[in-house]
Amino acid sequence: MNFGKVGAACGRTSLVTCTGATNLGDPHPCTGASVVVTIVDYCPSGCRGTIDLSQEAFAAIAHLEAGKVCTSTLILIHDLDDCSLWFRS
C-alpha cells in the first residue's frame, strides 16, 4: 500500500479486508469480515506496503495465528457535502 508522502494517511479512516494468506502455515486465514480503522501512525522506512493493525482489528479480519495476511484497503474520504470512496491497495 502506498499512501504517498510520509504521514499523509494519518487520521484517515480505512476499510481493511483480508484477501489471502502470505504463508503456508494458515492457507485460509481470512474470516470474511472487514474492519474500519483510523490510521494513527506511519510505518518507518523499510516496511513498504505494510499496514500494522491492532490485535483487535486483525482478529476481526483474520485468524491471529496467521500473523501476516494480504489485504485490500479502501480509504474513506469524507467530504463536507458528500462521502466518496477511494481505492488503494
PDB file of N, CA and C in Angstrom:
ATOM      1  N   MET A   1       0.839  -1.154   0.000  1.00  0.00           N
ATOM      2  CA  MET A   1       0.000   0.000   0.000  1.00  0.00           C
ATOM      3  C   MET A   1       0.893   1.227   0.000  1.00  0.00           C
ATOM      4  N   ASN A   2       0.530   2.207  -0.788  1.00  0.00           N
ATOM      5  CA  ASN A   2       1.322   3.418  -0.860  1.00  0.00           C
ATOM      6  C   ASN A   2       0.401   4.607  -0.611  1.00  0.00           C
ATOM      7  N   PHE A   3       0.611   5.305   0.469  1.00  0.00           N
ATOM      8  CA  PHE A   3      -0.226   6.442   0.817  1.00  0.00           C
ATOM      9  C   PHE A   3       0.419   7.761   0.419  1.00  0.00           C
ATOM     10  N   GLY A   4       1.409   7.732  -0.445  1.00  0.00           N
ATOM     11  CA  GLY A   4       2.055   8.969  -0.866  1.00  0.00           C
ATOM     12  C   GLY A   4       3.087   9.413   0.146  1.00  0.00           C
ATOM     13  N   LYS A   5       3.176  10.729   0.356  1.00  0.00           N
ATOM     14  CA  LYS A   5       4.212  11.250   1.238  1.00  0.00           C
ATOM     15  C   LYS A   5       4.030  10.743   2.668  1.00  0.00           C
ATOM     16  N   VAL A   6       5.106  10.682   3.394  1.00  0.00           N
ATOM     17  CA  VAL A   6       5.125  10.157   4.759  1.00  0.00           C
ATOM     18  C   VAL A   6       4.113  10.894   5.621  1.00  0.00           C
ATOM     19  N   GLY A   7       3.274  10.132   6.297  1.00  0.00           N
ATOM     20  CA  GLY A   7       2.299  10.701   7.205  1.00  0.00           C
ATOM     21  C   GLY A   7       1.039  11.221   6.549  1.00  0.00           C
ATOM     22  N   ALA A   8       0.946  11.156   5.218  1.00  0.00           N
ATOM     23  CA  ALA A   8      -0.209  11.711   4.515  1.00  0.00           C
ATOM     24  C   ALA A   8      -1.501  11.001   4.868  1.00  0.00           C
ATOM     25  N   ALA A   9      -1.435   9.747   5.255  1.00  0.00           N
ATOM     26  CA  ALA A   9      -2.643   8.982   5.559  1.00  0.00           C
ATOM     27  C   ALA A   9      -3.076   9.114   7.017  1.00  0.00           C
ATOM     28  N   CYS A  10      -2.246   9.709   7.875  1.00  0.00           N
ATOM     29  CA  CYS A  10      -2.587   9.808   9.291  1.00  0.00           C
ATOM     30  C   CYS A  10      -3.916  10.511   9.490  1.00  0.00           C
ATOM     31  N   GLY A  11      -4.758   9.892  10.318  1.00  0.00           N
ATOM     32  CA  GLY A  11      -6.069  10.441  10.604  1.00  0.00           C
ATOM     33  C   GLY A  11      -7.153   9.979   9.661  1.00  0.00           C
ATOM     34  N   ARG A  12      -6.784   9.339   8.559  1.00  0.00           N
ATOM     35  CA  ARG A  12      -7.779   8.857   7.605  1.00  0.00           C
ATOM     36  C   ARG A  12      -8.407   7.565   8.089  1.00  0.00           C
ATOM     37  N   THR A  13      -9.646   7.375   7.697  1.00  0.00           N
ATOM     38  CA  THR A  13     -10.375   6.163   8.025  1.00  0.00           C
ATOM     39  C   THR A  13     -10.296   5.223   6.833  1.00  0.00           C
ATOM     40  N   SER A  14     -10.028   3.940   7.102  1.00  0.00           N
ATOM     41  CA  SER A  14      -9.877   2.958   6.039  1.00  0.00           C
ATOM     42  C   SER A  14     -10.658   1.697   6.346  1.00  0.00           C
ATOM     43  N   LEU A  15     -11.144   1.062   5.303  1.00  0.00           N
ATOM     44  CA  LEU A  15     -11.796  -0.231   5.412  1.00  0.00           C
ATOM     45  C   LEU A  15     -10.776  -1.270   4.967  1.00  0.00           C
ATOM     46  N   VAL A  16     -10.398  -2.189   5.856  1.00  0.00           N
ATOM     47  CA  VAL A  16      -9.366  -3.190   5.567  1.00  0.00           C
ATOM     48  C   VAL A  16     -10.013  -4.562   5.505  1.00  0.00           C
ATOM     49  N   THR A  17      -9.682  -5.322   4.450  1.00  0.00           N
ATOM     50  CA  THR A  17     -10.221  -6.663   4.247  1.00  0.00           C
ATOM     51  C   THR A  17      -9.079  -7.624   3.969  1.00  0.00           C
ATOM     52  N   CYS A  18      -9.098  -8.776   4.613  1.00  0.00           N
ATOM     53  CA  CYS A  18      -8.120  -9.831   4.342  1.00  0.00           C
ATOM     54  C   CYS A  18      -8.456 -10.443   2.989  1.00  0.00           C
ATOM     55  N   THR A  19      -7.434 -10.602   2.138  1.00  0.00           N
ATOM     56  CA  THR A  19      -7.650 -11.194   0.816  1.00  0.00           C
ATOM     57  C   THR A  19      -6.960 -12.538   0.645  1.00  0.00           C
ATOM     58  N   GLY A  20      -6.102 -12.941   1.591  1.00  0.00           N
ATOM     59  CA  GLY A  20      -5.449 -14.234   1.473  1.00  0.00           C
ATOM     60  C   GLY A  20      -4.224 -14.384   2.339  1.00  0.00           C
ATOM     61  N   ALA A  21      -3.669 -15.573   2.260  1.00  0.00           N
ATOM     62  CA  ALA A  21      -2.515 -15.948   3.081  1.00  0.00           C
ATOM     63  C   ALA A  21      -1.210 -15.422   2.503  1.00  0.00           C
ATOM     64  N   THR A  22      -0.223 -15.251   3.382  1.00  0.00           N
ATOM     65  CA  THR A  22       1.130 -14.900   2.944  1.00  0.00           C
ATOM     66  C   THR A  22       2.092 -16.056   3.176  1.00  0.00           C
ATOM     67  N   ASN A  23       1.614 -17.121   3.818  1.00  0.00           N
ATOM     68  CA  ASN A  23       2.478 -18.275   4.087  1.00  0.00           C
ATOM     69  C   ASN A  23       1.643 -19.550   4.104  1.00  0.00           C
ATOM     70  N   LEU A  24       2.296 -20.680   4.170  1.00  0.00           N
ATOM     71  CA  LEU A  24       1.607 -21.969   4.153  1.00  0.00           C
ATOM     72  C   LEU A  24       1.113 -22.395   5.531  1.00  0.00           C
ATOM     73  N   GLY A  25       1.505 -21.676   6.574  1.00  0.00           N
ATOM     74  CA  GLY A  25       1.114 -22.039   7.936  1.00  0.00           C
ATOM     75  C   GLY A  25      -0.390 -22.021   8.145  1.00  0.00           C
ATOM     76  N   ASP A  26      -1.082 -21.086   7.512  1.00  0.00           N
ATOM     77  CA  ASP A  26      -2.539 -20.982   7.591  1.00  0.00           C
ATOM     78  C   ASP A  26      -3.021 -20.611   6.196  1.00  0.00           C
ATOM     79  N   PRO A  27      -3.343 -21.614   5.363  1.00  0.00           N
ATOM     80  CA  PRO A  27      -3.694 -21.332   3.975  1.00  0.00           C
ATOM     81  C   PRO A  27      -5.014 -20.576   3.794  1.00  0.00           C
ATOM     82  N   HIS A  28      -5.867 -20.551   4.813  1.00  0.00           N
ATOM     83  CA  HIS A  28      -7.158 -19.859   4.738  1.00  0.00           C
ATOM     84  C   HIS A  28      -7.367 -19.005   5.989  1.00  0.00           C
ATOM     85  N   PRO A  29      -6.587 -17.918   6.132  1.00  0.00           N
ATOM     86  CA  PRO A  29      -6.624 -17.148   7.372  1.00  0.00           C
ATOM     87  C   PRO A  29      -7.786 -16.156   7.487  1.00  0.00           C
ATOM     88  N   CYS A  30      -8.433 -15.818   6.386  1.00  0.00           N
ATOM     89  CA  CYS A  30      -9.430 -14.747   6.389  1.00  0.00           C
ATOM     90  C   CYS A  30     -10.742 -15.169   7.035  1.00  0.00           C
ATOM     91  N   THR A  31     -11.346 -14.241   7.766  1.00  0.00           N
ATOM     92  CA  THR A  31     -12.635 -14.501   8.406  1.00  0.00           C
ATOM     93  C   THR A  31     -13.801 -14.150   7.490  1.00  0.00           C
ATOM     94  N   GLY A  32     -13.537 -13.388   6.439  1.00  0.00           N
ATOM     95  CA  GLY A  32     -14.591 -12.936   5.546  1.00  0.00           C
ATOM     96  C   GLY A  32     -15.147 -11.572   5.936  1.00  0.00           C
ATOM     97  N   ALA A  33     -14.686 -11.045   7.049  1.00  0.00           N
ATOM     98  CA  ALA A  33     -15.145  -9.739   7.523  1.00  0.00           C
ATOM     99  C   ALA A  33     -14.165  -8.646   7.112  1.00  0.00           C
ATOM    100  N   SER A  34     -14.615  -7.417   7.229  1.00  0.00           N
ATOM    101  CA  SER A  34     -13.766  -6.243   7.040  1.00  0.00           C
ATOM    102  C   SER A  34     -13.796  -5.450   8.338  1.00  0.00           C
ATOM    103  N   VAL A  35     -12.829  -4.567   8.501  1.00  0.00           N
ATOM    104  CA  VAL A  35     -12.774  -3.741   9.705  1.00  0.00           C
ATOM    105  C   VAL A  35     -12.454  -2.302   9.296  1.00  0.00           C
ATOM    106  N   VAL A  36     -13.099  -1.349   9.970  1.00  0.00           N
ATOM    107  CA  VAL A  36     -12.832   0.072   9.737  1.00  0.00           C
ATOM    108  C   VAL A  36     -11.818   0.521  10.784  1.00  0.00           C
ATOM    109  N   VAL A  37     -10.727   1.120  10.319  1.00  0.00           N
ATOM    110  CA  VAL A  37      -9.663   1.570  11.216  1.00  0.00           C
ATOM    111  C   VAL A  37      -9.319   3.025  10.907  1.00  0.00           C
ATOM    112  N   THR A  38      -8.712   3.684  11.871  1.00  0.00           N
ATOM    113  CA  THR A  38      -8.173   5.025  11.662  1.00  0.00           C
ATOM    114  C   THR A  38      -6.656   4.913  11.717  1.00  0.00           C
ATOM    115  N   ILE A  39      -6.002   5.452  10.704  1.00  0.00           N
ATOM    116  CA  ILE A  39      -4.540   5.399  10.641  1.00  0.00           C
ATOM    117  C   ILE A  39      -3.989   6.448  11.605  1.00  0.00           C
ATOM    118  N   VAL A  40      -3.167   5.984  12.552  1.00  0.00           N
ATOM    119  CA  VAL A  40      -2.669   6.880  13.596  1.00  0.00           C
ATOM    120  C   VAL A  40      -1.161   7.068  13.564  1.00  0.00           C
ATOM    121  N   ASP A  41      -0.470   6.354  12.700  1.00  0.00           N
ATOM    122  CA  ASP A  41       0.975   6.417  12.659  1.00  0.00           C
ATOM    123  C   ASP A  41       1.408   5.985  11.267  1.00  0.00           C
ATOM    124  N   TYR A  42       2.673   6.127  10.950  1.00  0.00           N
ATOM    125  CA  TYR A  42       3.174   5.627   9.685  1.00  0.00           C
ATOM    126  C   TYR A  42       4.304   4.649   9.938  1.00  0.00           C
ATOM    127  N   CYS A  43       4.476   3.763   8.981  1.00  0.00           N
ATOM    128  CA  CYS A  43       5.490   2.724   9.084  1.00  0.00           C
ATOM    129  C   CYS A  43       6.867   3.333   8.808  1.00  0.00           C
ATOM    130  N   PRO A  44       7.865   2.988   9.595  1.00  0.00           N
ATOM    131  CA  PRO A  44       9.209   3.515   9.329  1.00  0.00           C
ATOM    132  C   PRO A  44       9.751   2.972   8.010  1.00  0.00           C
ATOM    133  N   SER A  45      10.785   3.594   7.501  1.00  0.00           N
ATOM    134  CA  SER A  45      11.361   3.148   6.230  1.00  0.00           C
ATOM    135  C   SER A  45      11.753   1.676   6.328  1.00  0.00           C
ATOM    136  N   GLY A  46      11.608   0.985   5.209  1.00  0.00           N
ATOM    137  CA  GLY A  46      11.956  -0.433   5.170  1.00  0.00           C
ATOM    138  C   GLY A  46      10.757  -1.359   5.273  1.00  0.00           C
ATOM    139  N   CYS A  47       9.574  -0.821   5.499  1.00  0.00           N
ATOM    140  CA  CYS A  47       8.409  -1.705   5.578  1.00  0.00           C
ATOM    141  C   CYS A  47       7.324  -1.257   4.609  1.00  0.00           C
ATOM    142  N   ARG A  48       7.713  -0.932   3.399  1.00  0.00           N
ATOM    143  CA  ARG A  48       6.767  -0.519   2.354  1.00  0.00           C
ATOM    144  C   ARG A  48       5.663  -1.540   2.181  1.00  0.00           C
ATOM    145  N   GLY A  49       4.480  -1.050   1.929  1.00  0.00           N
ATOM    146  CA  GLY A  49       3.364  -1.935   1.644  1.00  0.00           C
ATOM    147  C   GLY A  49       2.794  -2.616   2.866  1.00  0.00           C
ATOM    148  N   THR A  50       3.094  -2.106   4.055  1.00  0.00           N
ATOM    149  CA  THR A  50       2.663  -2.747   5.292  1.00  0.00           C
ATOM    150  C   THR A  50       1.691  -1.859   6.041  1.00  0.00           C
ATOM    151  N   ILE A  51       0.644  -2.481   6.573  1.00  0.00           N
ATOM    152  CA  ILE A  51      -0.242  -1.788   7.494  1.00  0.00           C
ATOM    153  C   ILE A  51      -0.275  -2.642   8.751  1.00  0.00           C
ATOM    154  N   ASP A  52       0.049  -2.046   9.869  1.00  0.00           N
ATOM    155  CA  ASP A  52       0.142  -2.761  11.138  1.00  0.00           C
ATOM    156  C   ASP A  52      -1.137  -2.512  11.930  1.00  0.00           C
ATOM    157  N   LEU A  53      -1.993  -3.533  12.010  1.00  0.00           N
ATOM    158  CA  LEU A  53      -3.277  -3.402  12.700  1.00  0.00           C
ATOM    159  C   LEU A  53      -3.139  -3.739  14.176  1.00  0.00           C
ATOM    160  N   SER A  54      -4.037  -3.185  14.970  1.00  0.00           N
ATOM    161  CA  SER A  54      -4.107  -3.610  16.372  1.00  0.00           C
ATOM    162  C   SER A  54      -4.532  -5.073  16.390  1.00  0.00           C
ATOM    163  N   GLN A  55      -4.296  -5.731  17.497  1.00  0.00           N
ATOM    164  CA  GLN A  55      -4.667  -7.140  17.615  1.00  0.00           C
ATOM    165  C   GLN A  55      -6.176  -7.324  17.423  1.00  0.00           C
ATOM    166  N   GLU A  56      -6.961  -6.409  17.953  1.00  0.00           N
ATOM    167  CA  GLU A  56      -8.416  -6.496  17.824  1.00  0.00           C
ATOM    168  C   GLU A  56      -8.858  -6.339  16.378  1.00  0.00           C
ATOM    169  N   ALA A  57      -8.269  -5.389  15.662  1.00  0.00           N
ATOM    170  CA  ALA A  57      -8.623  -5.167  14.259  1.00  0.00           C
ATOM    171  C   ALA A  57      -8.194  -6.359  13.407  1.00  0.00           C
ATOM    172  N   PHE A  58      -6.988  -6.885  13.659  1.00  0.00           N
ATOM    173  CA  PHE A  58      -6.508  -8.044  12.900  1.00  0.00           C
ATOM    174  C   PHE A  58      -7.418  -9.248  13.128  1.00  0.00           C
ATOM    175  N   ALA A  59      -7.815  -9.477  14.391  1.00  0.00           N
ATOM    176  CA  ALA A  59      -8.672 -10.619  14.727  1.00  0.00           C
ATOM    177  C   ALA A  59     -10.032 -10.535  14.035  1.00  0.00           C
ATOM    178  N   ALA A  60     -10.460  -9.325  13.718  1.00  0.00           N
ATOM    179  CA  ALA A  60     -11.742  -9.165  13.022  1.00  0.00           C
ATOM    180  C   ALA A  60     -11.672  -9.668  11.584  1.00  0.00           C
ATOM    181  N   ILE A  61     -10.493  -9.591  10.952  1.00  0.00           N
ATOM    182  CA  ILE A  61     -10.395  -9.972   9.538  1.00  0.00           C
ATOM    183  C   ILE A  61      -9.666 -11.287   9.290  1.00  0.00           C
ATOM    184  N   ALA A  62      -8.886 -11.762  10.278  1.00  0.00           N
ATOM    185  CA  ALA A  62      -8.084 -12.978  10.062  1.00  0.00           C
ATOM    186  C   ALA A  62      -7.789 -13.675  11.387  1.00  0.00           C
ATOM    187  N   HIS A  63      -7.410 -14.932  11.278  1.00  0.00           N
ATOM    188  CA  HIS A  63      -7.009 -15.691  12.461  1.00  0.00           C
ATOM    189  C   HIS A  63      -5.699 -15.107  12.983  1.00  0.00           C
ATOM    190  N   LEU A  64      -5.616 -14.866  14.272  1.00  0.00           N
ATOM    191  CA  LEU A  64      -4.417 -14.277  14.865  1.00  0.00           C
ATOM    192  C   LEU A  64      -3.164 -15.097  14.582  1.00  0.00           C
ATOM    193  N   GLU A  65      -3.314 -16.427  14.529  1.00  0.00           N
ATOM    194  CA  GLU A  65      -2.163 -17.308  14.303  1.00  0.00           C
ATOM    195  C   GLU A  65      -1.503 -17.057  12.948  1.00  0.00           C
ATOM    196  N   ALA A  66      -2.240 -16.484  12.003  1.00  0.00           N
ATOM    197  CA  ALA A  66      -1.676 -16.221  10.672  1.00  0.00           C
ATOM    198  C   ALA A  66      -0.542 -15.201  10.763  1.00  0.00           C
ATOM    199  N   GLY A  67      -0.654 -14.241  11.668  1.00  0.00           N
ATOM    200  CA  GLY A  67       0.411 -13.259  11.864  1.00  0.00           C
ATOM    201  C   GLY A  67       0.492 -12.182  10.812  1.00  0.00           C
ATOM    202  N   LYS A  68       0.428 -12.557   9.550  1.00  0.00           N
ATOM    203  CA  LYS A  68       0.540 -11.613   8.446  1.00  0.00           C
ATOM    204  C   LYS A  68      -0.349 -12.119   7.321  1.00  0.00           C
ATOM    205  N   VAL A  69      -1.119 -11.238   6.708  1.00  0.00           N
ATOM    206  CA  VAL A  69      -2.014 -11.620   5.617  1.00  0.00           C
ATOM    207  C   VAL A  69      -1.980 -10.571   4.513  1.00  0.00           C
ATOM    208  N   CYS A  70      -2.452 -10.942   3.355  1.00  0.00           N
ATOM    209  CA  CYS A  70      -2.637  -9.982   2.264  1.00  0.00           C
ATOM    210  C   CYS A  70      -3.948  -9.252   2.514  1.00  0.00           C
ATOM    211  N   THR A  71      -3.992  -7.968   2.187  1.00  0.00           N
ATOM    212  CA  THR A  71      -5.203  -7.179   2.424  1.00  0.00           C
ATOM    213  C   THR A  71      -5.515  -6.274   1.240  1.00  0.00           C
ATOM    214  N   SER A  72      -6.738  -5.818   1.201  1.00  0.00           N
ATOM    215  CA  SER A  72      -7.095  -4.702   0.329  1.00  0.00           C
ATOM    216  C   SER A  72      -7.544  -3.599   1.276  1.00  0.00           C
ATOM    217  N   THR A  73      -7.276  -2.373   0.880  1.00  0.00           N
ATOM    218  CA  THR A  73      -7.597  -1.237   1.736  1.00  0.00           C
ATOM    219  C   THR A  73      -8.386  -0.220   0.940  1.00  0.00           C
ATOM    220  N   LEU A  74      -9.506   0.174   1.491  1.00  0.00           N
ATOM    221  CA  LEU A  74     -10.352   1.185   0.886  1.00  0.00           C
ATOM    222  C   LEU A  74     -10.280   2.395   1.799  1.00  0.00           C
ATOM    223  N   ILE A  75      -9.678   3.472   1.315  1.00  0.00           N
ATOM    224  CA  ILE A  75      -9.560   4.677   2.126  1.00  0.00           C
ATOM    225  C   ILE A  75     -10.847   5.467   1.968  1.00  0.00           C
ATOM    226  N   LEU A  76     -11.478   5.782   3.071  1.00  0.00           N
ATOM    227  CA  LEU A  76     -12.732   6.523   3.055  1.00  0.00           C
ATOM    228  C   LEU A  76     -12.414   8.004   3.115  1.00  0.00           C
ATOM    229  N   ILE A  77     -12.797   8.719   2.080  1.00  0.00           N
ATOM    230  CA  ILE A  77     -12.542  10.151   2.020  1.00  0.00           C
ATOM    231  C   ILE A  77     -13.855  10.848   2.337  1.00  0.00           C
ATOM    232  N   HIS A  78     -13.847  11.624   3.377  1.00  0.00           N
ATOM    233  CA  HIS A  78     -15.047  12.318   3.805  1.00  0.00           C
ATOM    234  C   HIS A  78     -15.016  13.749   3.297  1.00  0.00           C
ATOM    235  N   ASP A  79     -16.049  14.115   2.624  1.00  0.00           N
ATOM    236  CA  ASP A  79     -16.202  15.460   2.104  1.00  0.00           C
ATOM    237  C   ASP A  79     -17.308  16.135   2.901  1.00  0.00           C
ATOM    238  N   LEU A  80     -17.288  17.429   3.000  1.00  0.00           N
ATOM    239  CA  LEU A  80     -18.326  18.119   3.759  1.00  0.00           C
ATOM    240  C   LEU A  80     -19.705  17.916   3.142  1.00  0.00           C
ATOM    241  N   ASP A  81     -19.776  17.906   1.811  1.00  0.00           N
ATOM    242  CA  ASP A  81     -21.064  17.787   1.138  1.00  0.00           C
ATOM    243  C   ASP A  81     -21.414  16.352   0.788  1.00  0.00           C
ATOM    244  N   ASP A  82     -20.436  15.488   0.770  1.00  0.00           N
ATOM    245  CA  ASP A  82     -20.676  14.169   0.247  1.00  0.00           C
ATOM    246  C   ASP A  82     -19.618  13.226   0.795  1.00  0.00           C
ATOM    247  N   CYS A  83     -19.865  11.960   0.728  1.00  0.00           N
ATOM    248  CA  CYS A  83     -18.876  10.968   1.173  1.00  0.00           C
ATOM    249  C   CYS A  83     -18.501  10.131  -0.034  1.00  0.00           C
ATOM    250  N   SER A  84     -17.240  10.093  -0.373  1.00  0.00           N
ATOM    251  CA  SER A  84     -16.808   9.325  -1.525  1.00  0.00           C
ATOM    252  C   SER A  84     -15.751   8.318  -1.089  1.00  0.00           C
ATOM    253  N   LEU A  85     -15.501   7.339  -1.925  1.00  0.00           N
ATOM    254  CA  LEU A  85     -14.552   6.279  -1.626  1.00  0.00           C
ATOM    255  C   LEU A  85     -13.407   6.319  -2.617  1.00  0.00           C
ATOM    256  N   TRP A  86     -12.225   5.967  -2.125  1.00  0.00           N
ATOM    257  CA  TRP A  86     -11.040   5.929  -2.967  1.00  0.00           C
ATOM    258  C   TRP A  86     -10.329   4.631  -2.686  1.00  0.00           C
ATOM    259  N   PHE A  87     -10.081   3.831  -3.735  1.00  0.00           N
ATOM    260  CA  PHE A  87      -9.455   2.530  -3.541  1.00  0.00           C
ATOM    261  C   PHE A  87      -7.962   2.624  -3.710  1.00  0.00           C
ATOM    262  N   ARG A  88      -7.246   1.980  -2.806  1.00  0.00           N
ATOM    263  CA  ARG A  88      -5.783   1.927  -2.878  1.00  0.00           C
ATOM    264  C   ARG A  88      -5.358   0.613  -2.267  1.00  0.00           C
ATOM    265  N   SER A  89      -4.570  -0.169  -2.955  1.00  0.00           N
ATOM    266  CA  SER A  89      -4.098  -1.424  -2.360  1.00  0.00           C
ATOM    267  C   SER A  89      -2.613  -1.564  -2.535  1.00  0.00           C
TER     268      SER A  89
END
